[in-house]
Amino acid sequence: MSDLNLSKTKTTPSIEFNEATGKLIIAGESYPENSAEFYKPVFGWLNNYMEMKREIEFSFKLTYFNTSSSKSILDIIEVLENYHKTGGKVSLNWYFEEEDDDIEDSGIEFTSDLTLPCKLIPY
């Protein structure tokens, strides 16, 4: 299994998934034309990684995302929650700029019903 690295563009976030450390981060703005297609490699990589039963530290450090991206983000969080419920070790970090109430509120909303360890982290 290799790392997954996608550089950010004007409409898509950077994606850095490190197989050796189990640290995964999605950062930047997310409003791709086709969110489902853009995030498809993320799900493939995550599913392959979870088959190895290794620890995951997943971080979102987004500064903007559209409605289509929010569906993909929620789907990723659901995959992580299911991994946690089946005994997988996983933690979720939701970063937001201190003055960005919208991203903070999204983090609160997305993580409020989860059983996996979550942190909301201002920067």
Foldseek 3Di string as FASTA:
>chain_A
DQWDWDPDDPAAWTWTQHLVPQEIETEEHHDDPQQCVVCVVVVVVVVVSCVVLAAHEYEYHYAYYDPNNLVVVLVVVVVVLVSVVVPRHYEYEYEDEPPDPPSLVSQCVSPVPGPHHYYYHYD
